[in-house]
Amino acid sequence: MVAHSRMSTADIDFVSVASPADAAVVARLAAEIWYEYYVPIIGREQVDYMVPRFQSEAAICKQIDAGLQYFLIRRSGAACGYFAIEPQPDGRRMFLSKLYVLKASRQHGLARRALAFIEARCDAAGIDTLWLTVNKFNPAVHAYERLGFVNVADVVADIGGGYVMDDFRLEKALRKAAQ
């Protein structure tokens, strides 16, 4: 696990996931969010398959050990979402692997603030491009596009168990790239 770091804006904190206890909090959030949000999009069977493999406490700890940087989103001290980022080996790109917020905390600008935090980290590291994949049927596609992301590719990835992730690859050129 990594050293603990924190960034705060008013009542919103972004706290690095630095311990198994933090990973357990993320796993609990993931289960709640995924079953509420993704069952209508990809079906319960695929969510049942994906959550324990990719968003369990053990899976999250393993991802952190491999270089993924997880952060809890806290609003007024309560964990209400999380995101994960991964600098790419070329040193010019950042992968936004996950960005999820509990239903009761959506529509409060938390994802937008998280993206601003991520972009500031990218700027500090000299990263030009932020990219992500998002399910083609996820309504968040339009939100990402409004925030400056551009659809650059269709991506279908086999994740095992007879399931695929049928996504768009979205990219955002950051201010640094325009200089």
C-alpha atoms as a PDB file:
ATOM      1  CA  MET A   1       0.000   0.000   0.000  1.00  0.00           C
ATOM      2  CA  VAL A   2       1.106   3.609  -0.509  1.00  0.00           C
ATOM      3  CA  ALA A   3       1.636   6.562   1.789  1.00  0.00           C
ATOM      4  CA  HIS A   4      -1.499   8.421   2.816  1.00  0.00           C
ATOM      5  CA  SER A   5      -2.209  11.747   1.105  1.00  0.00           C
ATOM      6  CA  ARG A   6      -5.183  14.076   1.207  1.00  0.00           C
ATOM      7  CA  MET A   7      -6.594  16.988  -0.763  1.00  0.00           C
ATOM      8  CA  SER A   8      -9.550  18.995   0.490  1.00  0.00           C
ATOM      9  CA  THR A   9     -11.900  21.528  -1.069  1.00  0.00           C
ATOM     10  CA  ALA A  10     -14.487  22.884   1.357  1.00  0.00           C
ATOM     11  CA  ASP A  11     -16.448  19.868   2.584  1.00  0.00           C
ATOM     12  CA  ILE A  12     -15.044  17.513  -0.092  1.00  0.00           C
ATOM     13  CA  ASP A  13     -11.913  15.444   0.570  1.00  0.00           C
ATOM     14  CA  PHE A  14     -10.015  13.145  -1.772  1.00  0.00           C
ATOM     15  CA  VAL A  15      -8.114  10.699   0.404  1.00  0.00           C
ATOM     16  CA  SER A  16      -5.649   8.174  -0.981  1.00  0.00           C
ATOM     17  CA  VAL A  17      -6.483   4.573  -0.215  1.00  0.00           C
ATOM     18  CA  ALA A  18      -3.457   3.551   1.817  1.00  0.00           C
ATOM     19  CA  SER A  19      -4.486   0.564   3.915  1.00  0.00           C
ATOM     20  CA  PRO A  20      -6.543  -2.620   3.720  1.00  0.00           C
ATOM     21  CA  ALA A  21      -9.160  -0.863   5.875  1.00  0.00           C
ATOM     22  CA  ASP A  22      -9.435   1.895   3.249  1.00  0.00           C
ATOM     23  CA  ALA A  23      -9.682  -0.767   0.524  1.00  0.00           C
ATOM     24  CA  ALA A  24     -12.522  -2.387   2.467  1.00  0.00           C
ATOM     25  CA  VAL A  25     -14.392   0.937   2.455  1.00  0.00           C
ATOM     26  CA  VAL A  26     -13.927   1.179  -1.323  1.00  0.00           C
ATOM     27  CA  ALA A  27     -15.123  -2.417  -1.761  1.00  0.00           C
ATOM     28  CA  ARG A  28     -18.304  -1.681   0.226  1.00  0.00           C
ATOM     29  CA  LEU A  29     -18.951   1.432  -1.863  1.00  0.00           C
ATOM     30  CA  ALA A  30     -18.260  -0.515  -5.064  1.00  0.00           C
ATOM     31  CA  ALA A  31     -20.761  -3.231  -4.232  1.00  0.00           C
ATOM     32  CA  GLU A  32     -23.484  -0.710  -3.400  1.00  0.00           C
ATOM     33  CA  ILE A  33     -22.827   1.458  -6.459  1.00  0.00           C
ATOM     34  CA  TRP A  34     -22.363  -1.378  -8.931  1.00  0.00           C
ATOM     35  CA  TYR A  35     -25.541  -3.230  -7.947  1.00  0.00           C
ATOM     36  CA  GLU A  36     -27.600  -0.039  -8.003  1.00  0.00           C
ATOM     37  CA  TYR A  37     -26.155   1.478 -11.168  1.00  0.00           C
ATOM     38  CA  TYR A  38     -24.888  -1.283 -13.434  1.00  0.00           C
ATOM     39  CA  VAL A  39     -27.511  -4.036 -13.124  1.00  0.00           C
ATOM     40  CA  PRO A  40     -29.876  -2.147 -15.478  1.00  0.00           C
ATOM     41  CA  ILE A  41     -27.002  -1.587 -17.952  1.00  0.00           C
ATOM     42  CA  ILE A  42     -25.141  -4.926 -18.026  1.00  0.00           C
ATOM     43  CA  GLY A  43     -27.345  -7.274 -15.981  1.00  0.00           C
ATOM     44  CA  ARG A  44     -27.080  -8.797 -12.540  1.00  0.00           C
ATOM     45  CA  GLU A  45     -25.114 -11.847 -13.702  1.00  0.00           C
ATOM     46  CA  GLN A  46     -22.279  -9.738 -15.099  1.00  0.00           C
ATOM     47  CA  VAL A  47     -22.245  -7.519 -11.998  1.00  0.00           C
ATOM     48  CA  ASP A  48     -22.140 -10.692  -9.857  1.00  0.00           C
ATOM     49  CA  TYR A  49     -19.128 -11.774 -11.899  1.00  0.00           C
ATOM     50  CA  MET A  50     -17.278  -8.449 -11.958  1.00  0.00           C
ATOM     51  CA  VAL A  51     -17.616  -7.094  -8.411  1.00  0.00           C
ATOM     52  CA  PRO A  52     -15.754  -9.878  -6.569  1.00  0.00           C
ATOM     53  CA  ARG A  53     -13.091 -10.149  -9.284  1.00  0.00           C
ATOM     54  CA  PHE A  54     -12.364  -6.463  -9.775  1.00  0.00           C
ATOM     55  CA  GLN A  55     -13.788  -4.512  -6.826  1.00  0.00           C
ATOM     56  CA  SER A  56     -13.346  -6.711  -3.748  1.00  0.00           C
ATOM     57  CA  GLU A  57     -10.986  -5.647  -0.970  1.00  0.00           C
ATOM     58  CA  ALA A  58      -8.399  -8.214  -2.124  1.00  0.00           C
ATOM     59  CA  ALA A  59      -8.696  -7.148  -5.781  1.00  0.00           C
ATOM     60  CA  ILE A  60      -8.337  -3.475  -4.854  1.00  0.00           C
ATOM     61  CA  CYS A  61      -5.235  -4.155  -2.714  1.00  0.00           C
ATOM     62  CA  LYS A  62      -3.711  -6.141  -5.571  1.00  0.00           C
ATOM     63  CA  GLN A  63      -4.443  -3.311  -8.043  1.00  0.00           C
ATOM     64  CA  ILE A  64      -2.838  -0.772  -5.695  1.00  0.00           C
ATOM     65  CA  ASP A  65       0.242  -2.968  -5.354  1.00  0.00           C
ATOM     66  CA  ALA A  66       0.413  -3.037  -9.174  1.00  0.00           C
ATOM     67  CA  GLY A  67       0.371   0.778  -9.420  1.00  0.00           C
ATOM     68  CA  LEU A  68      -3.281   1.841  -9.509  1.00  0.00           C
ATOM     69  CA  GLN A  69      -3.883   4.849  -7.238  1.00  0.00           C
ATOM     70  CA  TYR A  70      -7.254   4.695  -5.478  1.00  0.00           C
ATOM     71  CA  PHE A  71      -8.857   7.669  -3.723  1.00  0.00           C
ATOM     72  CA  LEU A  72     -11.940   7.868  -1.538  1.00  0.00           C
ATOM     73  CA  ILE A  73     -14.285  10.781  -2.125  1.00  0.00           C
ATOM     74  CA  ARG A  74     -15.542  12.073   1.215  1.00  0.00           C
ATOM     75  CA  ARG A  75     -18.258  14.653   1.651  1.00  0.00           C
ATOM     76  CA  SER A  76     -18.509  16.169   5.119  1.00  0.00           C
ATOM     77  CA  GLY A  77     -16.341  13.295   6.340  1.00  0.00           C
ATOM     78  CA  ALA A  78     -18.498  10.482   4.934  1.00  0.00           C
ATOM     79  CA  ALA A  79     -17.197   8.223   2.156  1.00  0.00           C
ATOM     80  CA  CYS A  80     -19.535   8.684  -0.804  1.00  0.00           C
ATOM     81  CA  GLY A  81     -17.488   7.583  -3.803  1.00  0.00           C
ATOM     82  CA  TYR A  82     -14.098   6.680  -5.137  1.00  0.00           C
ATOM     83  CA  PHE A  83     -11.847   6.873  -8.161  1.00  0.00           C
ATOM     84  CA  ALA A  84      -8.690   5.199  -9.384  1.00  0.00           C
ATOM     85  CA  ILE A  85      -6.016   6.527 -11.701  1.00  0.00           C
ATOM     86  CA  GLU A  86      -2.911   5.052 -13.269  1.00  0.00           C
ATOM     87  CA  PRO A  87      -0.084   6.989 -14.896  1.00  0.00           C
ATOM     88  CA  GLN A  88       0.820   5.298 -18.171  1.00  0.00           C
ATOM     89  CA  PRO A  89       4.355   4.087 -18.934  1.00  0.00           C
ATOM     90  CA  ASP A  90       4.861   6.735 -21.635  1.00  0.00           C
ATOM     91  CA  GLY A  91       4.687   9.433 -18.934  1.00  0.00           C
ATOM     92  CA  ARG A  92       2.313  11.538 -21.058  1.00  0.00           C
ATOM     93  CA  ARG A  93      -1.032   9.871 -20.342  1.00  0.00           C
ATOM     94  CA  MET A  94      -3.159   9.100 -17.286  1.00  0.00           C
ATOM     95  CA  PHE A  95      -5.769   6.325 -17.220  1.00  0.00           C
ATOM     96  CA  LEU A  96      -8.914   7.080 -15.215  1.00  0.00           C
ATOM     97  CA  SER A  97      -9.801   3.516 -14.317  1.00  0.00           C
ATOM     98  CA  LYS A  98     -12.759   4.181 -12.032  1.00  0.00           C
ATOM     99  CA  LEU A  99     -14.967   7.066 -10.936  1.00  0.00           C
ATOM    100  CA  TYR A 100     -18.058   6.148  -8.957  1.00  0.00           C
ATOM    101  CA  VAL A 101     -20.357   8.079  -6.608  1.00  0.00           C
ATOM    102  CA  LEU A 102     -23.189   6.791  -4.423  1.00  0.00           C
ATOM    103  CA  LYS A 103     -26.669   7.534  -5.759  1.00  0.00           C
ATOM    104  CA  ALA A 104     -27.537   9.876  -2.863  1.00  0.00           C
ATOM    105  CA  SER A 105     -24.399  11.933  -3.565  1.00  0.00           C
ATOM    106  CA  ARG A 106     -24.776  12.307  -7.331  1.00  0.00           C
ATOM    107  CA  GLN A 107     -25.698  15.648  -8.864  1.00  0.00           C
ATOM    108  CA  HIS A 108     -23.625  17.557  -6.298  1.00  0.00           C
ATOM    109  CA  GLY A 109     -20.561  18.143  -8.477  1.00  0.00           C
ATOM    110  CA  LEU A 110     -18.440  15.466  -6.807  1.00  0.00           C
ATOM    111  CA  ALA A 111     -17.369  13.781 -10.048  1.00  0.00           C
ATOM    112  CA  ARG A 112     -16.569  17.168 -11.580  1.00  0.00           C
ATOM    113  CA  ARG A 113     -14.432  18.060  -8.537  1.00  0.00           C
ATOM    114  CA  ALA A 114     -12.725  14.672  -8.665  1.00  0.00           C
ATOM    115  CA  LEU A 115     -11.895  15.265 -12.328  1.00  0.00           C
ATOM    116  CA  ALA A 116     -10.474  18.703 -11.488  1.00  0.00           C
ATOM    117  CA  PHE A 117      -8.305  17.068  -8.797  1.00  0.00           C
ATOM    118  CA  ILE A 118      -7.131  14.421 -11.279  1.00  0.00           C
ATOM    119  CA  GLU A 119      -6.389  17.038 -13.937  1.00  0.00           C
ATOM    120  CA  ALA A 120      -4.354  19.062 -11.423  1.00  0.00           C
ATOM    121  CA  ARG A 121      -2.302  15.931 -10.639  1.00  0.00           C
ATOM    122  CA  CYS A 122      -1.829  15.406 -14.373  1.00  0.00           C
ATOM    123  CA  ASP A 123      -0.699  18.997 -14.832  1.00  0.00           C
ATOM    124  CA  ALA A 124       1.805  18.695 -11.977  1.00  0.00           C
ATOM    125  CA  ALA A 125       3.204  15.503 -13.542  1.00  0.00           C
ATOM    126  CA  GLY A 126       3.414  16.923 -17.091  1.00  0.00           C
ATOM    127  CA  ILE A 127       0.698  14.581 -18.381  1.00  0.00           C
ATOM    128  CA  ASP A 128      -0.995  15.655 -21.614  1.00  0.00           C
ATOM    129  CA  THR A 129      -3.944  13.265 -21.937  1.00  0.00           C
ATOM    130  CA  LEU A 130      -6.508  11.805 -19.560  1.00  0.00           C
ATOM    131  CA  TRP A 131      -8.316   8.745 -20.896  1.00  0.00           C
ATOM    132  CA  LEU A 132     -10.939   6.254 -19.752  1.00  0.00           C
ATOM    133  CA  THR A 133     -13.268   3.575 -20.975  1.00  0.00           C
ATOM    134  CA  VAL A 134     -17.000   3.737 -20.358  1.00  0.00           C
ATOM    135  CA  ASN A 135     -19.796   1.324 -21.213  1.00  0.00           C
ATOM    136  CA  LYS A 136     -21.481   2.353 -24.455  1.00  0.00           C
ATOM    137  CA  PHE A 137     -24.899   2.344 -22.748  1.00  0.00           C
ATOM    138  CA  ASN A 138     -23.810   4.258 -19.650  1.00  0.00           C
ATOM    139  CA  PRO A 139     -25.529   7.666 -19.461  1.00  0.00           C
ATOM    140  CA  ALA A 140     -22.252   9.063 -18.074  1.00  0.00           C
ATOM    141  CA  VAL A 141     -20.865   9.044 -21.640  1.00  0.00           C
ATOM    142  CA  HIS A 142     -22.690  12.324 -22.261  1.00  0.00           C
ATOM    143  CA  ALA A 143     -21.424  13.870 -19.019  1.00  0.00           C
ATOM    144  CA  TYR A 144     -17.828  13.029 -19.954  1.00  0.00           C
ATOM    145  CA  GLU A 145     -18.344  14.552 -23.409  1.00  0.00           C
ATOM    146  CA  ARG A 146     -19.706  17.750 -21.831  1.00  0.00           C
ATOM    147  CA  LEU A 147     -16.514  17.858 -19.747  1.00  0.00           C
ATOM    148  CA  GLY A 148     -14.290  17.801 -22.820  1.00  0.00           C
ATOM    149  CA  PHE A 149     -13.736  14.102 -23.447  1.00  0.00           C
ATOM    150  CA  VAL A 150     -13.841  12.860 -27.039  1.00  0.00           C
ATOM    151  CA  ASN A 151     -14.828   9.378 -28.176  1.00  0.00           C
ATOM    152  CA  VAL A 152     -11.776   7.996 -29.987  1.00  0.00           C
ATOM    153  CA  ALA A 153     -12.569   4.275 -30.269  1.00  0.00           C
ATOM    154  CA  ASP A 154     -14.914   1.391 -29.633  1.00  0.00           C
ATOM    155  CA  VAL A 155     -13.344  -1.193 -27.324  1.00  0.00           C
ATOM    156  CA  VAL A 156     -14.636  -4.686 -26.677  1.00  0.00           C
ATOM    157  CA  ALA A 157     -12.610  -6.537 -24.031  1.00  0.00           C
ATOM    158  CA  ASP A 158     -13.125 -10.142 -22.976  1.00  0.00           C
ATOM    159  CA  ILE A 159     -13.122 -10.240 -19.164  1.00  0.00           C
ATOM    160  CA  GLY A 160     -13.669 -13.981 -18.840  1.00  0.00           C
ATOM    161  CA  GLY A 161     -16.676 -15.985 -17.724  1.00  0.00           C
ATOM    162  CA  GLY A 162     -18.315 -15.395 -21.105  1.00  0.00           C
ATOM    163  CA  TYR A 163     -18.537 -11.637 -20.469  1.00  0.00           C
ATOM    164  CA  VAL A 164     -17.167  -8.648 -22.355  1.00  0.00           C
ATOM    165  CA  MET A 165     -16.845  -4.984 -21.607  1.00  0.00           C
ATOM    166  CA  ASP A 166     -18.400  -3.136 -24.563  1.00  0.00           C
ATOM    167  CA  ASP A 167     -16.997   0.360 -24.137  1.00  0.00           C
ATOM    168  CA  PHE A 168     -16.068   3.639 -25.716  1.00  0.00           C
ATOM    169  CA  ARG A 169     -12.542   4.915 -25.193  1.00  0.00           C
ATOM    170  CA  LEU A 170     -12.775   8.592 -24.303  1.00  0.00           C
ATOM    171  CA  GLU A 171      -9.821  10.954 -24.184  1.00  0.00           C
ATOM    172  CA  LYS A 172      -9.347  14.499 -23.008  1.00  0.00           C
ATOM    173  CA  ALA A 173      -6.428  16.617 -24.116  1.00  0.00           C
ATOM    174  CA  LEU A 174      -5.356  18.618 -21.088  1.00  0.00           C
ATOM    175  CA  ARG A 175      -4.273  22.274 -21.058  1.00  0.00           C
ATOM    176  CA  LYS A 176      -0.648  21.242 -20.959  1.00  0.00           C
ATOM    177  CA  ALA A 177      -1.011  19.608 -24.394  1.00  0.00           C
ATOM    178  CA  ALA A 178      -2.125  22.909 -25.938  1.00  0.00           C
ATOM    179  CA  GLN A 179       1.070  24.742 -24.940  1.00  0.00           C
END
